Protein backbone atom coordinates (compact mmCIF):
# COMPACT_ATOMS: atom_id res chain seq x y z
CA MET A 1 -26.87 -117.14 14.44
CA LEU A 2 -29.73 -115.95 11.94
CA LEU A 3 -28.51 -112.39 12.16
CA ASN A 4 -24.93 -113.35 11.32
CA GLN A 5 -26.01 -115.36 8.47
CA SER A 6 -28.19 -112.62 7.11
CA PHE A 7 -25.26 -110.25 7.38
CA ARG A 8 -22.95 -112.54 5.26
CA LEU A 9 -25.79 -112.94 2.75
CA GLY A 10 -26.30 -109.22 2.57
CA ALA A 11 -22.51 -108.56 2.27
CA ALA A 12 -22.05 -111.25 -0.49
CA ALA A 13 -24.89 -109.67 -2.48
CA THR A 14 -23.40 -106.20 -2.08
CA TRP A 15 -20.11 -107.46 -3.22
CA MET A 16 -21.76 -109.16 -6.41
CA LEU A 17 -23.49 -106.14 -7.36
CA THR A 18 -20.58 -103.95 -7.10
CA ALA A 19 -18.57 -106.31 -9.18
CA ALA A 20 -21.20 -106.56 -11.77
CA ALA A 21 -21.52 -102.77 -11.98
CA CYS A 22 -17.73 -102.34 -12.36
CA ALA A 23 -17.72 -105.06 -14.98
CA HIS A 24 -20.01 -102.99 -17.22
CA GLN A 25 -18.05 -99.77 -17.01
CA PRO A 26 -16.34 -99.15 -20.39
CA ALA A 27 -12.58 -98.86 -20.69
CA GLU A 28 -11.61 -95.09 -20.91
CA ALA A 29 -8.81 -94.35 -23.32
CA PRO A 30 -7.80 -91.13 -25.19
CA LEU A 31 -9.31 -91.04 -28.62
CA ALA A 32 -6.54 -92.29 -30.92
CA ALA A 33 -8.11 -91.95 -34.29
CA TRP A 34 -11.02 -90.22 -36.13
CA PRO A 35 -14.04 -92.48 -35.72
CA ALA A 36 -15.31 -92.68 -39.36
CA ASP A 37 -18.59 -93.45 -40.82
CA SER A 38 -20.93 -92.74 -37.96
CA ALA A 39 -22.93 -90.05 -36.28
CA TRP A 40 -22.76 -89.51 -32.45
CA VAL A 41 -25.81 -88.23 -30.48
CA LEU A 42 -25.46 -86.23 -27.42
CA GLU A 43 -26.36 -88.50 -24.64
CA SER A 44 -25.46 -86.58 -21.43
CA SER A 45 -23.83 -83.22 -20.54
CA ASP A 46 -22.96 -81.12 -17.47
CA VAL A 47 -22.58 -78.08 -19.65
CA ALA A 48 -25.13 -75.20 -18.60
CA GLY A 49 -27.81 -75.40 -21.36
CA LEU A 50 -27.22 -78.95 -22.37
CA GLU A 51 -27.99 -80.78 -19.13
CA SER A 52 -31.12 -82.68 -20.60
CA PRO A 53 -30.08 -83.46 -24.21
CA THR A 54 -32.66 -86.39 -24.88
CA GLY A 55 -34.42 -85.42 -28.10
CA SER A 56 -32.39 -82.35 -28.73
CA GLY A 57 -31.21 -83.51 -32.06
CA ILE A 58 -27.63 -82.61 -31.23
CA GLU A 59 -25.24 -84.85 -32.94
CA ILE A 60 -21.64 -84.72 -34.29
CA ARG A 61 -19.73 -86.49 -37.11
CA PHE A 62 -15.90 -86.81 -37.13
CA GLU A 63 -14.59 -86.26 -40.70
CA ASP A 64 -10.79 -86.17 -41.43
CA GLY A 65 -9.69 -82.93 -39.94
CA ARG A 66 -13.20 -81.69 -39.47
CA LEU A 67 -15.99 -81.90 -36.95
CA ALA A 68 -19.58 -81.45 -38.43
CA GLY A 69 -22.95 -82.07 -37.00
CA ASN A 70 -26.33 -80.59 -35.90
CA SER A 71 -26.72 -78.21 -33.14
CA GLY A 72 -30.29 -79.13 -32.68
CA CYS A 73 -31.27 -76.32 -34.87
CA ASN A 74 -28.65 -75.71 -37.59
CA GLN A 75 -26.02 -77.79 -39.41
CA PHE A 76 -22.40 -76.89 -38.54
CA SER A 77 -18.73 -77.68 -39.44
CA GLY A 78 -15.48 -76.66 -38.44
CA ALA A 79 -11.84 -77.59 -38.60
CA ALA A 80 -10.89 -79.96 -35.88
CA GLU A 81 -7.39 -81.42 -34.68
CA LEU A 82 -6.86 -84.69 -32.91
CA GLY A 83 -3.47 -84.85 -31.26
CA ASP A 84 -1.45 -86.98 -28.91
CA ALA A 85 -3.32 -88.43 -25.84
CA GLY A 86 -6.51 -87.48 -27.11
CA ALA A 87 -5.78 -83.85 -27.26
CA PHE A 88 -8.69 -82.41 -29.25
CA LYS A 89 -9.31 -78.82 -30.58
CA VAL A 90 -12.28 -77.57 -32.60
CA GLY A 91 -11.57 -74.44 -34.64
CA ALA A 92 -14.00 -71.71 -35.81
CA THR A 93 -17.31 -73.26 -36.89
CA VAL A 94 -19.69 -72.21 -39.69
CA SER A 95 -23.38 -72.98 -39.60
CA THR A 96 -26.60 -72.75 -41.56
CA LYS A 97 -28.76 -69.84 -40.45
CA ARG A 98 -32.13 -71.30 -39.60
CA ALA A 99 -34.00 -69.13 -36.98
CA CYS A 100 -33.86 -71.06 -33.55
CA ILE A 101 -36.42 -69.76 -31.03
CA GLY A 102 -36.97 -70.57 -27.35
CA GLU A 103 -35.10 -73.44 -25.72
CA GLY A 104 -33.51 -74.45 -29.09
CA ALA A 105 -31.69 -71.09 -29.42
CA GLY A 106 -30.26 -71.48 -25.81
CA ARG A 107 -29.25 -74.98 -26.49
CA GLU A 108 -27.58 -74.11 -29.71
CA ALA A 109 -25.53 -71.21 -28.26
CA ALA A 110 -24.44 -73.69 -25.40
CA MET A 111 -23.50 -76.31 -27.92
CA PHE A 112 -21.34 -73.73 -29.87
CA LYS A 113 -19.75 -72.34 -26.90
CA ALA A 114 -18.87 -75.78 -25.46
CA LEU A 115 -17.34 -76.85 -28.94
CA GLY A 116 -14.95 -73.74 -28.60
CA SER A 117 -13.73 -75.07 -25.24
CA VAL A 118 -13.16 -78.81 -26.02
CA ASN A 119 -9.61 -79.79 -25.15
CA ARG A 120 -9.67 -83.69 -25.12
CA ALA A 121 -11.55 -86.55 -26.63
CA VAL A 122 -11.96 -89.90 -24.79
CA SER A 123 -13.18 -93.17 -26.01
CA LEU A 124 -15.65 -94.95 -23.59
CA GLY A 125 -15.63 -98.23 -25.53
CA ASP A 126 -16.94 -98.88 -29.08
CA ASP A 127 -20.15 -96.89 -28.74
CA ARG A 128 -19.41 -93.73 -26.60
CA ILE A 129 -17.05 -90.70 -26.73
CA ARG A 130 -16.61 -88.09 -24.20
CA LEU A 131 -15.40 -84.56 -25.01
CA ASP A 132 -13.74 -82.83 -22.01
CA LEU A 133 -13.90 -79.07 -21.81
CA ASP A 134 -11.74 -76.35 -20.34
CA GLY A 135 -12.97 -75.76 -16.85
CA GLY A 136 -14.06 -79.42 -16.23
CA GLY A 137 -17.24 -79.75 -18.24
CA GLN A 138 -18.03 -82.81 -20.31
CA MET A 139 -20.42 -83.99 -23.06
CA THR A 140 -20.86 -87.66 -23.79
CA PHE A 141 -22.03 -88.82 -27.21
CA VAL A 142 -23.34 -92.33 -28.21
CA ARG A 143 -22.89 -93.83 -31.52
CA ARG A 144 -26.18 -93.65 -33.54
CA GLY A 145 -27.18 -97.04 -34.79
CA PRO A 146 -27.20 -97.67 -38.69
CA GLU A 147 -30.98 -97.99 -38.49
CA ALA A 148 -31.29 -94.36 -37.75
CA GLU A 149 -28.85 -93.06 -40.30
């Protein structure tokens, strides 16, 4: 009897934890409009060279028809097009020419290469955006709070 009761309690707890975890998953939707007046900091990535973005300084800003930001070493800007169903394309970028050494140089090269293969922008709620890349890679950015701007 005690074993049966423990099993039921365990099953109920598992169900509640699963439901709670699912409740906090943001709604995923194609990015429909340029998110204005905010910077977005790289939070996570499965792109080679960008797997550990914490403290990297990589951020992007969406400006009407342009994507600008910081590669972690240099400022950059380039034409960008947001189409139907979140289709997103970044054109050629220009950047400042600060010398990047060591890990920063590799991270910057990976960032510019990734930007060139972005094909879709997805909203993950109010404070996160994911950029999907050709070949299946992803970069997720979190909105930087106003206190940091």
